[in-house]
Each structure stands twice: as C-alpha cells, then as structure tokens.
N, C-alpha and C. Protein backbone atom coordinates (compact mmCIF):
# COMPACT_ATOMS: atom_id res chain seq x y z
N MET A 1 0.81 -1.17 0.00
CA MET A 1 0.00 0.00 0.00
C MET A 1 0.87 1.26 0.00
N LYS A 2 1.99 1.18 0.76
CA LYS A 2 2.88 2.33 0.80
C LYS A 2 3.45 2.60 -0.60
N LYS A 3 3.69 1.52 -1.33
CA LYS A 3 4.25 1.69 -2.68
C LYS A 3 3.24 2.39 -3.58
N VAL A 4 1.97 2.05 -3.50
CA VAL A 4 0.94 2.65 -4.34
C VAL A 4 0.80 4.12 -3.98
N LEU A 5 0.80 4.44 -2.66
CA LEU A 5 0.69 5.81 -2.21
C LEU A 5 1.89 6.64 -2.68
N THR A 6 3.07 6.08 -2.57
CA THR A 6 4.28 6.78 -3.00
C THR A 6 4.25 7.01 -4.51
N LEU A 7 3.83 5.99 -5.22
CA LEU A 7 3.76 6.09 -6.68
C LEU A 7 2.73 7.14 -7.09
N THR A 8 1.58 7.16 -6.46
CA THR A 8 0.52 8.13 -6.76
C THR A 8 1.02 9.55 -6.46
N ALA A 9 1.69 9.72 -5.33
CA ALA A 9 2.20 11.03 -4.97
C ALA A 9 3.25 11.50 -5.99
N LEU A 10 4.08 10.58 -6.44
CA LEU A 10 5.11 10.91 -7.42
C LEU A 10 4.48 11.34 -8.74
N VAL A 11 3.48 10.59 -9.22
CA VAL A 11 2.79 10.93 -10.47
C VAL A 11 2.10 12.27 -10.34
N PHE A 12 1.44 12.51 -9.22
CA PHE A 12 0.74 13.76 -8.96
C PHE A 12 1.72 14.94 -8.96
N THR A 13 2.87 14.75 -8.35
CA THR A 13 3.90 15.79 -8.30
C THR A 13 4.40 16.11 -9.72
N VAL A 14 4.63 15.09 -10.52
CA VAL A 14 5.09 15.30 -11.91
C VAL A 14 4.04 16.06 -12.70
N LEU A 15 2.78 15.69 -12.55
CA LEU A 15 1.72 16.38 -13.30
C LEU A 15 1.63 17.84 -12.90
N ILE A 16 1.74 18.14 -11.61
CA ILE A 16 1.65 19.51 -11.16
C ILE A 16 2.85 20.31 -11.68
N SER A 17 4.03 19.72 -11.63
CA SER A 17 5.21 20.46 -12.09
C SER A 17 5.15 20.68 -13.61
N CYS A 18 4.57 19.76 -14.36
CA CYS A 18 4.41 19.95 -15.81
C CYS A 18 3.46 21.08 -16.07
N LYS A 19 2.37 21.15 -15.32
CA LYS A 19 1.37 22.18 -15.50
C LYS A 19 1.95 23.54 -15.19
N LYS A 20 2.76 23.65 -14.14
CA LYS A 20 3.36 24.92 -13.78
C LYS A 20 4.32 25.38 -14.87
N ALA A 21 5.02 24.47 -15.51
CA ALA A 21 5.96 24.84 -16.55
C ALA A 21 5.25 25.48 -17.74
N THR A 22 4.03 25.02 -18.02
CA THR A 22 3.31 25.59 -19.15
C THR A 22 2.68 26.92 -18.80
N GLU A 23 2.49 27.21 -17.51
CA GLU A 23 1.89 28.47 -17.10
C GLU A 23 2.90 29.60 -17.07
N THR A 24 4.19 29.29 -17.08
CA THR A 24 5.20 30.34 -17.04
C THR A 24 5.24 31.02 -18.40
N GLU A 25 5.85 32.19 -18.41
CA GLU A 25 5.93 32.95 -19.66
C GLU A 25 6.80 32.19 -20.66
N PRO A 26 6.42 32.24 -21.94
CA PRO A 26 7.23 31.54 -22.94
C PRO A 26 8.61 32.18 -23.06
N ILE A 27 9.55 31.36 -23.44
CA ILE A 27 10.91 31.85 -23.64
C ILE A 27 10.92 32.72 -24.88
N GLN A 28 11.52 33.88 -24.77
CA GLN A 28 11.58 34.81 -25.90
C GLN A 28 12.76 34.45 -26.79
N ILE A 29 12.50 34.17 -28.04
CA ILE A 29 13.56 33.85 -29.00
C ILE A 29 13.73 35.04 -29.90
N THR A 30 14.92 35.57 -29.95
CA THR A 30 15.20 36.72 -30.79
C THR A 30 15.77 36.22 -32.12
N PRO A 31 15.08 36.50 -33.22
CA PRO A 31 15.59 36.04 -34.51
C PRO A 31 16.85 36.80 -34.89
N SER A 32 17.69 36.14 -35.66
CA SER A 32 18.89 36.80 -36.17
C SER A 32 18.44 37.81 -37.21
N PRO A 33 19.18 38.88 -37.35
CA PRO A 33 18.79 39.84 -38.39
C PRO A 33 18.88 39.16 -39.76
N PRO A 34 17.97 39.49 -40.67
CA PRO A 34 18.01 38.86 -41.98
C PRO A 34 19.28 39.24 -42.72
N LYS A 35 19.74 38.29 -43.54
CA LYS A 35 20.92 38.57 -44.35
C LYS A 35 20.52 39.60 -45.40
N LYS A 36 21.45 40.44 -45.71
CA LYS A 36 21.17 41.47 -46.70
C LYS A 36 20.97 40.80 -48.06
N ALA A 37 19.81 41.06 -48.65
CA ALA A 37 19.52 40.46 -49.95
C ALA A 37 20.28 41.20 -51.03
N GLU A 38 20.78 40.43 -51.98
CA GLU A 38 21.46 41.04 -53.11
C GLU A 38 20.42 41.40 -54.15
N ILE A 39 20.29 42.68 -54.38
CA ILE A 39 19.28 43.14 -55.33
C ILE A 39 19.96 43.34 -56.68
N VAL A 40 19.46 42.61 -57.67
CA VAL A 40 20.00 42.72 -59.02
C VAL A 40 19.04 43.60 -59.80
N GLU A 41 19.49 44.77 -60.13
CA GLU A 41 18.65 45.70 -60.86
C GLU A 41 18.64 45.33 -62.34
N PRO A 42 17.51 45.56 -63.01
CA PRO A 42 17.50 45.33 -64.45
C PRO A 42 18.58 46.18 -65.12
N ALA A 43 19.25 45.60 -66.08
CA ALA A 43 20.38 46.28 -66.70
C ALA A 43 19.96 47.17 -67.87
N GLY A 44 18.69 47.21 -68.22
CA GLY A 44 18.26 47.99 -69.37
C GLY A 44 18.62 47.27 -70.66
N ASP A 45 18.48 47.97 -71.77
CA ASP A 45 18.78 47.35 -73.06
C ASP A 45 20.28 47.10 -73.19
N GLN A 46 20.60 45.93 -73.69
CA GLN A 46 21.98 45.56 -73.96
C GLN A 46 22.05 45.13 -75.42
N CYS A 47 23.09 45.54 -76.10
CA CYS A 47 23.23 45.23 -77.51
C CYS A 47 24.61 44.65 -77.79
N TYR A 48 24.63 43.61 -78.63
CA TYR A 48 25.86 42.91 -78.98
C TYR A 48 25.86 42.63 -80.47
N GLU A 49 27.06 42.54 -81.05
CA GLU A 49 27.15 42.36 -82.49
C GLU A 49 28.39 41.55 -82.86
N TRP A 50 28.26 40.76 -83.92
CA TRP A 50 29.37 40.00 -84.49
C TRP A 50 29.36 40.26 -85.99
N ARG A 51 30.54 40.54 -86.55
CA ARG A 51 30.69 40.75 -87.99
C ARG A 51 31.93 40.00 -88.46
N SER A 52 31.76 39.28 -89.57
CA SER A 52 32.91 38.57 -90.14
C SER A 52 32.66 38.30 -91.61
N ASN A 53 33.54 38.80 -92.45
CA ASN A 53 33.47 38.53 -93.91
C ASN A 53 32.08 38.77 -94.49
N GLY A 54 31.44 39.85 -94.10
CA GLY A 54 30.12 40.19 -94.64
C GLY A 54 28.96 39.57 -93.89
N SER A 55 29.23 38.64 -92.98
CA SER A 55 28.18 38.04 -92.16
C SER A 55 27.98 38.90 -90.91
N ILE A 56 26.72 38.96 -90.46
CA ILE A 56 26.39 39.80 -89.29
C ILE A 56 25.43 39.05 -88.36
N MET A 57 25.67 39.20 -87.07
CA MET A 57 24.70 38.72 -86.07
C MET A 57 24.54 39.87 -85.08
N GLU A 58 23.30 40.30 -84.88
CA GLU A 58 23.00 41.38 -83.94
C GLU A 58 22.02 40.87 -82.91
N MET A 59 22.31 41.15 -81.65
CA MET A 59 21.44 40.71 -80.55
C MET A 59 21.21 41.91 -79.63
N SER A 60 19.94 42.14 -79.30
CA SER A 60 19.60 43.19 -78.34
C SER A 60 18.56 42.61 -77.40
N PHE A 61 18.70 42.92 -76.12
CA PHE A 61 17.75 42.37 -75.13
C PHE A 61 17.83 43.17 -73.85
N ASN A 62 16.88 42.89 -72.96
CA ASN A 62 16.97 43.40 -71.60
C ASN A 62 16.73 42.24 -70.66
N VAL A 63 17.24 42.38 -69.45
CA VAL A 63 17.13 41.36 -68.42
C VAL A 63 16.42 41.99 -67.24
N ASN A 64 15.32 41.36 -66.77
CA ASN A 64 14.64 41.93 -65.61
C ASN A 64 15.23 41.38 -64.31
N SER A 65 14.67 41.78 -63.19
CA SER A 65 15.24 41.39 -61.89
C SER A 65 15.11 39.90 -61.60
N HIS A 66 14.29 39.19 -62.37
CA HIS A 66 14.15 37.73 -62.21
C HIS A 66 15.04 36.98 -63.19
N GLN A 67 15.95 37.70 -63.83
CA GLN A 67 16.89 37.14 -64.80
C GLN A 67 16.20 36.62 -66.06
N GLU A 68 14.99 37.15 -66.35
CA GLU A 68 14.29 36.80 -67.58
C GLU A 68 14.75 37.72 -68.70
N VAL A 69 14.96 37.13 -69.87
CA VAL A 69 15.49 37.87 -71.01
C VAL A 69 14.41 38.02 -72.07
N ASN A 70 14.34 39.21 -72.65
CA ASN A 70 13.39 39.49 -73.71
C ASN A 70 14.11 40.39 -74.71
N GLY A 71 14.17 39.96 -75.97
CA GLY A 71 14.87 40.78 -76.94
C GLY A 71 14.73 40.32 -78.37
N LYS A 72 15.71 40.70 -79.18
CA LYS A 72 15.69 40.41 -80.62
C LYS A 72 17.04 39.86 -81.06
N LEU A 73 16.99 39.03 -82.09
CA LEU A 73 18.21 38.49 -82.68
C LEU A 73 18.04 38.54 -84.20
N LYS A 74 19.10 38.97 -84.85
CA LYS A 74 19.10 39.05 -86.32
C LYS A 74 20.35 38.32 -86.79
N VAL A 75 20.19 37.37 -87.70
CA VAL A 75 21.31 36.59 -88.23
C VAL A 75 21.30 36.70 -89.74
N ASP A 76 22.44 37.17 -90.29
CA ASP A 76 22.58 37.32 -91.74
C ASP A 76 23.96 36.77 -92.12
N ILE A 77 23.99 35.46 -92.39
CA ILE A 77 25.23 34.77 -92.75
C ILE A 77 25.34 34.72 -94.27
N VAL A 78 26.49 35.08 -94.78
CA VAL A 78 26.71 35.07 -96.23
C VAL A 78 26.44 33.66 -96.76
N GLY A 79 25.61 33.57 -97.81
CA GLY A 79 25.30 32.28 -98.44
C GLY A 79 24.14 31.55 -97.79
N LYS A 80 23.57 32.10 -96.72
CA LYS A 80 22.43 31.47 -96.06
C LYS A 80 21.28 32.47 -96.00
N ASP A 81 20.08 31.96 -95.71
CA ASP A 81 18.93 32.84 -95.60
C ASP A 81 19.03 33.72 -94.36
N LYS A 82 18.71 35.00 -94.56
CA LYS A 82 18.69 35.95 -93.44
C LYS A 82 17.46 35.63 -92.58
N ASN A 83 17.64 35.71 -91.26
CA ASN A 83 16.49 35.53 -90.37
C ASN A 83 16.60 36.47 -89.19
N GLU A 84 15.43 36.90 -88.72
CA GLU A 84 15.40 37.75 -87.54
C GLU A 84 14.12 37.47 -86.78
N GLY A 85 14.23 37.63 -85.44
CA GLY A 85 13.07 37.33 -84.62
C GLY A 85 13.29 37.72 -83.16
N THR A 86 12.51 37.07 -82.29
CA THR A 86 12.53 37.43 -80.87
C THR A 86 13.27 36.39 -80.04
N LEU A 87 13.83 36.88 -78.95
CA LEU A 87 14.50 36.03 -77.95
C LEU A 87 13.69 36.11 -76.66
N ILE A 88 13.33 34.97 -76.12
CA ILE A 88 12.67 34.93 -74.82
C ILE A 88 13.31 33.79 -74.03
N GLY A 89 13.92 34.13 -72.90
CA GLY A 89 14.61 33.10 -72.14
C GLY A 89 15.03 33.56 -70.77
N ASN A 90 16.12 32.98 -70.28
CA ASN A 90 16.61 33.27 -68.92
C ASN A 90 18.13 33.27 -68.90
N MET A 91 18.66 34.10 -68.00
CA MET A 91 20.08 34.04 -67.68
C MET A 91 20.22 33.00 -66.59
N LYS A 92 21.01 31.99 -66.84
CA LYS A 92 21.27 30.94 -65.85
C LYS A 92 22.75 31.01 -65.52
N GLY A 93 23.07 31.76 -64.46
CA GLY A 93 24.46 32.01 -64.16
C GLY A 93 25.04 32.92 -65.22
N ASP A 94 26.07 32.45 -65.92
CA ASP A 94 26.70 33.25 -66.97
C ASP A 94 26.23 32.84 -68.36
N THR A 95 25.15 32.07 -68.45
CA THR A 95 24.69 31.56 -69.73
C THR A 95 23.27 32.02 -70.03
N LEU A 96 23.09 32.54 -71.21
CA LEU A 96 21.76 32.94 -71.70
C LEU A 96 21.21 31.75 -72.49
N ILE A 97 20.07 31.23 -72.05
CA ILE A 97 19.36 30.17 -72.77
C ILE A 97 18.02 30.75 -73.17
N ALA A 98 17.71 30.75 -74.47
CA ALA A 98 16.48 31.39 -74.92
C ALA A 98 15.87 30.66 -76.12
N ASP A 99 14.58 30.88 -76.29
CA ASP A 99 13.89 30.43 -77.50
C ASP A 99 13.98 31.57 -78.51
N TYR A 100 14.47 31.26 -79.69
CA TYR A 100 14.58 32.22 -80.77
C TYR A 100 13.48 31.90 -81.77
N THR A 101 12.47 32.77 -81.82
CA THR A 101 11.35 32.60 -82.75
C THR A 101 11.61 33.55 -83.92
N PHE A 102 11.77 32.97 -85.11
CA PHE A 102 12.18 33.79 -86.25
C PHE A 102 11.44 33.39 -87.51
N ASN A 103 11.49 34.30 -88.49
CA ASN A 103 10.93 34.05 -89.81
C ASN A 103 12.06 33.99 -90.81
N SER A 104 12.02 32.97 -91.65
CA SER A 104 12.99 32.83 -92.72
C SER A 104 12.24 32.31 -93.94
N GLU A 105 12.30 33.07 -95.03
CA GLU A 105 11.58 32.73 -96.26
C GLU A 105 10.10 32.51 -96.00
N GLY A 106 9.50 33.31 -95.14
CA GLY A 106 8.08 33.26 -94.88
C GLY A 106 7.64 32.14 -93.94
N VAL A 107 8.57 31.38 -93.40
CA VAL A 107 8.24 30.28 -92.50
C VAL A 107 8.69 30.65 -91.08
N SER A 108 7.77 30.50 -90.11
CA SER A 108 8.11 30.78 -88.71
C SER A 108 8.69 29.52 -88.05
N SER A 109 9.78 29.70 -87.33
CA SER A 109 10.44 28.57 -86.66
C SER A 109 10.84 28.97 -85.25
N VAL A 110 11.04 27.97 -84.38
CA VAL A 110 11.54 28.20 -83.02
C VAL A 110 12.76 27.32 -82.81
N ARG A 111 13.83 27.96 -82.35
CA ARG A 111 15.08 27.24 -82.11
C ARG A 111 15.66 27.73 -80.79
N GLU A 112 16.13 26.80 -79.99
CA GLU A 112 16.77 27.18 -78.74
C GLU A 112 18.19 27.67 -79.04
N VAL A 113 18.58 28.77 -78.40
CA VAL A 113 19.92 29.30 -78.58
C VAL A 113 20.58 29.45 -77.21
N ALA A 114 21.91 29.48 -77.22
CA ALA A 114 22.67 29.64 -75.98
C ALA A 114 23.84 30.57 -76.24
N PHE A 115 24.11 31.44 -75.28
CA PHE A 115 25.25 32.35 -75.36
C PHE A 115 25.90 32.41 -73.99
N LEU A 116 27.21 32.33 -73.97
CA LEU A 116 27.99 32.39 -72.75
C LEU A 116 28.51 33.80 -72.56
N LYS A 117 28.21 34.42 -71.42
CA LYS A 117 28.66 35.79 -71.15
C LYS A 117 30.07 35.78 -70.59
N ARG A 118 30.94 36.56 -71.22
CA ARG A 118 32.32 36.73 -70.78
C ARG A 118 32.62 38.23 -70.87
N GLU A 119 32.72 38.89 -69.71
CA GLU A 119 32.96 40.33 -69.63
C GLU A 119 31.95 41.07 -70.51
N ASN A 120 32.40 41.78 -71.53
CA ASN A 120 31.49 42.54 -72.40
C ASN A 120 31.19 41.82 -73.70
N THR A 121 31.16 40.48 -73.64
CA THR A 121 30.89 39.70 -74.85
C THR A 121 29.92 38.56 -74.55
N PHE A 122 29.34 38.02 -75.61
CA PHE A 122 28.56 36.79 -75.54
C PHE A 122 29.09 35.87 -76.63
N ILE A 123 29.37 34.61 -76.26
CA ILE A 123 29.89 33.62 -77.20
C ILE A 123 28.77 32.65 -77.52
N GLU A 124 28.48 32.46 -78.81
CA GLU A 124 27.38 31.57 -79.20
C GLU A 124 27.73 30.11 -78.91
N GLY A 125 26.72 29.38 -78.42
CA GLY A 125 26.91 27.98 -78.08
C GLY A 125 26.34 27.05 -79.13
N TYR A 126 26.97 25.88 -79.23
CA TYR A 126 26.54 24.85 -80.19
C TYR A 126 26.46 23.51 -79.48
N GLY A 127 25.66 22.62 -80.04
CA GLY A 127 25.57 21.27 -79.49
C GLY A 127 24.58 20.46 -80.28
N ASP A 128 24.48 19.18 -79.95
CA ASP A 128 23.51 18.31 -80.61
C ASP A 128 22.10 18.81 -80.30
N VAL A 129 21.24 18.73 -81.31
CA VAL A 129 19.86 19.21 -81.15
C VAL A 129 18.86 18.11 -81.48
N VAL A 130 17.66 18.29 -80.95
CA VAL A 130 16.54 17.42 -81.29
C VAL A 130 15.37 18.31 -81.69
N SER A 131 14.52 17.78 -82.53
CA SER A 131 13.35 18.52 -82.98
C SER A 131 12.10 17.82 -82.49
N ALA A 132 11.26 18.58 -81.77
CA ALA A 132 10.00 18.03 -81.27
C ALA A 132 9.00 19.17 -81.12
N ASN A 133 7.75 18.90 -81.46
CA ASN A 133 6.68 19.89 -81.35
C ASN A 133 7.03 21.20 -82.05
N ASP A 134 7.55 21.12 -83.25
CA ASP A 134 7.90 22.29 -84.06
C ASP A 134 8.92 23.19 -83.39
N LYS A 135 9.80 22.62 -82.59
CA LYS A 135 10.83 23.39 -81.90
C LYS A 135 12.12 22.59 -81.89
N VAL A 136 13.23 23.26 -82.17
CA VAL A 136 14.54 22.63 -82.13
C VAL A 136 15.21 23.04 -80.81
N THR A 137 15.59 22.03 -80.00
CA THR A 137 16.21 22.29 -78.71
C THR A 137 17.52 21.53 -78.58
N PHE A 138 18.35 21.97 -77.65
CA PHE A 138 19.60 21.26 -77.40
C PHE A 138 19.30 19.94 -76.71
N LYS A 139 20.00 18.92 -77.14
CA LYS A 139 19.82 17.58 -76.58
C LYS A 139 20.30 17.54 -75.13
N ASP A 140 21.45 18.14 -74.86
CA ASP A 140 22.03 18.14 -73.51
C ASP A 140 22.78 19.46 -73.32
N LYS A 141 22.19 20.37 -72.56
CA LYS A 141 22.78 21.69 -72.38
C LYS A 141 24.12 21.64 -71.64
N THR A 142 24.39 20.56 -70.91
CA THR A 142 25.67 20.46 -70.20
C THR A 142 26.82 20.16 -71.15
N LYS A 143 26.51 19.80 -72.39
CA LYS A 143 27.56 19.47 -73.36
C LYS A 143 27.70 20.52 -74.46
N LEU A 144 27.21 21.72 -74.20
CA LEU A 144 27.33 22.79 -75.19
C LEU A 144 28.79 23.19 -75.36
N LYS A 145 29.12 23.57 -76.58
CA LYS A 145 30.46 24.08 -76.88
C LYS A 145 30.32 25.54 -77.28
N PHE A 146 31.25 26.36 -76.84
CA PHE A 146 31.21 27.78 -77.15
C PHE A 146 32.46 28.14 -77.94
N ASP A 147 32.25 28.53 -79.20
CA ASP A 147 33.37 28.80 -80.11
C ASP A 147 33.71 30.30 -80.08
N PRO A 148 34.90 30.65 -79.62
CA PRO A 148 35.29 32.06 -79.55
C PRO A 148 35.26 32.78 -80.91
N LYS A 149 35.25 32.02 -82.01
CA LYS A 149 35.16 32.66 -83.33
C LYS A 149 33.83 33.37 -83.51
N ASN A 150 32.82 32.93 -82.75
CA ASN A 150 31.48 33.53 -82.86
C ASN A 150 31.17 34.33 -81.59
N THR A 151 31.99 35.35 -81.35
CA THR A 151 31.84 36.19 -80.17
C THR A 151 31.18 37.52 -80.54
N LEU A 152 30.07 37.78 -79.90
CA LEU A 152 29.38 39.05 -80.08
C LEU A 152 29.93 40.04 -79.06
N THR A 153 30.30 41.25 -79.54
CA THR A 153 30.85 42.26 -78.65
C THR A 153 29.81 43.32 -78.34
N LYS A 154 29.90 43.88 -77.14
CA LYS A 154 28.95 44.89 -76.71
C LYS A 154 29.10 46.14 -77.58
N VAL A 155 27.96 46.66 -78.03
CA VAL A 155 27.93 47.89 -78.84
C VAL A 155 26.83 48.79 -78.30
N ASP A 156 26.86 50.05 -78.72
CA ASP A 156 25.79 50.96 -78.35
C ASP A 156 24.52 50.52 -79.07
N CYS A 157 23.41 50.55 -78.37
CA CYS A 157 22.13 50.15 -78.98
C CYS A 157 21.69 51.22 -79.98
N LYS A 158 21.16 50.76 -81.11
CA LYS A 158 20.63 51.66 -82.13
C LYS A 158 19.24 52.11 -81.73
N VAL A 159 18.94 53.34 -81.97
CA VAL A 159 17.60 53.86 -81.67
C VAL A 159 16.71 53.52 -82.85
N GLU A 160 15.62 52.81 -82.56
CA GLU A 160 14.72 52.38 -83.66
C GLU A 160 13.51 53.25 -83.70
C-alpha cells in the first residue's frame, strides 16, 4: 500500500510540475537579423554584335530582376537565308538560354539558342539538337560548346 501511495504522490507531483511549466511565460527567442539580400537591378537594353566577312549577327535584349530575357536576334550569314526574330529566355548564371522565334523565307520557326557571357561579350553555343513539337532544342545543355570565333561584342544600342 505504501508503494501505491508513494507512486501516486510521485505521479501527482510530476503532473503539477508539468502544468506549472506551461503556465510560465514563454521563452523569448530573438531572430537573427536577416541577411542582406542582393538586389539585381534590371540592366536595361543591352546590344551585342558580331561581324565577319560580310556576315552579321546582332542581338539586343533586356534582363529583368528575375533574370528573364526578352529581346531580338538578327542573323545574316553570307550564303544562307537571313532571319530575324525574338528572344525569350533566362540568364542561368553566366549563360543565356532562350527560344529564338524567327521568320525565314516566310516560315516561322523556333530554335533554342545559348550564349555564354564573358565580360562585355557573348559567345554563341553549339551542341547536338533534337526537334519536337515544331521546336529545335539542345539535346544536352551540359555538353554545349562555345566557339570564340562567334563572339558578339557589346555595342551601343541603335535607336529604332
């Protein structure tokens, strides 16, 4: 009987002490100050150009604060059909990946393009492609090659 009484008293004491702990004021936790966010301001219009032996590639675009790219690309390679159209894509680190929607000989096409940013230049990327749903895309973006011969240099934007 003494054991039951002792056990009951012990349980009762534990319950009371638990209840008192919840009635006390909560512990105040002070959050750490937030880390300073890096704000990337839109860069405005950016224009780049490549010229070689009569061939021309002109690219103009702007990048918003979400690293989304919207612009134009014009390609006029000697001996090939001239094409020009819109660029819509994203900056992923130092690489611009975009859908290039263009017209060539009256036919509208969509092709994925890639450019690697190096200081005040963009180097065009190449790689194996696949065609699906009327769009040509890179098979594996991790295997893109960037040829320095096709480097677009920063130029002043033309007023249109």
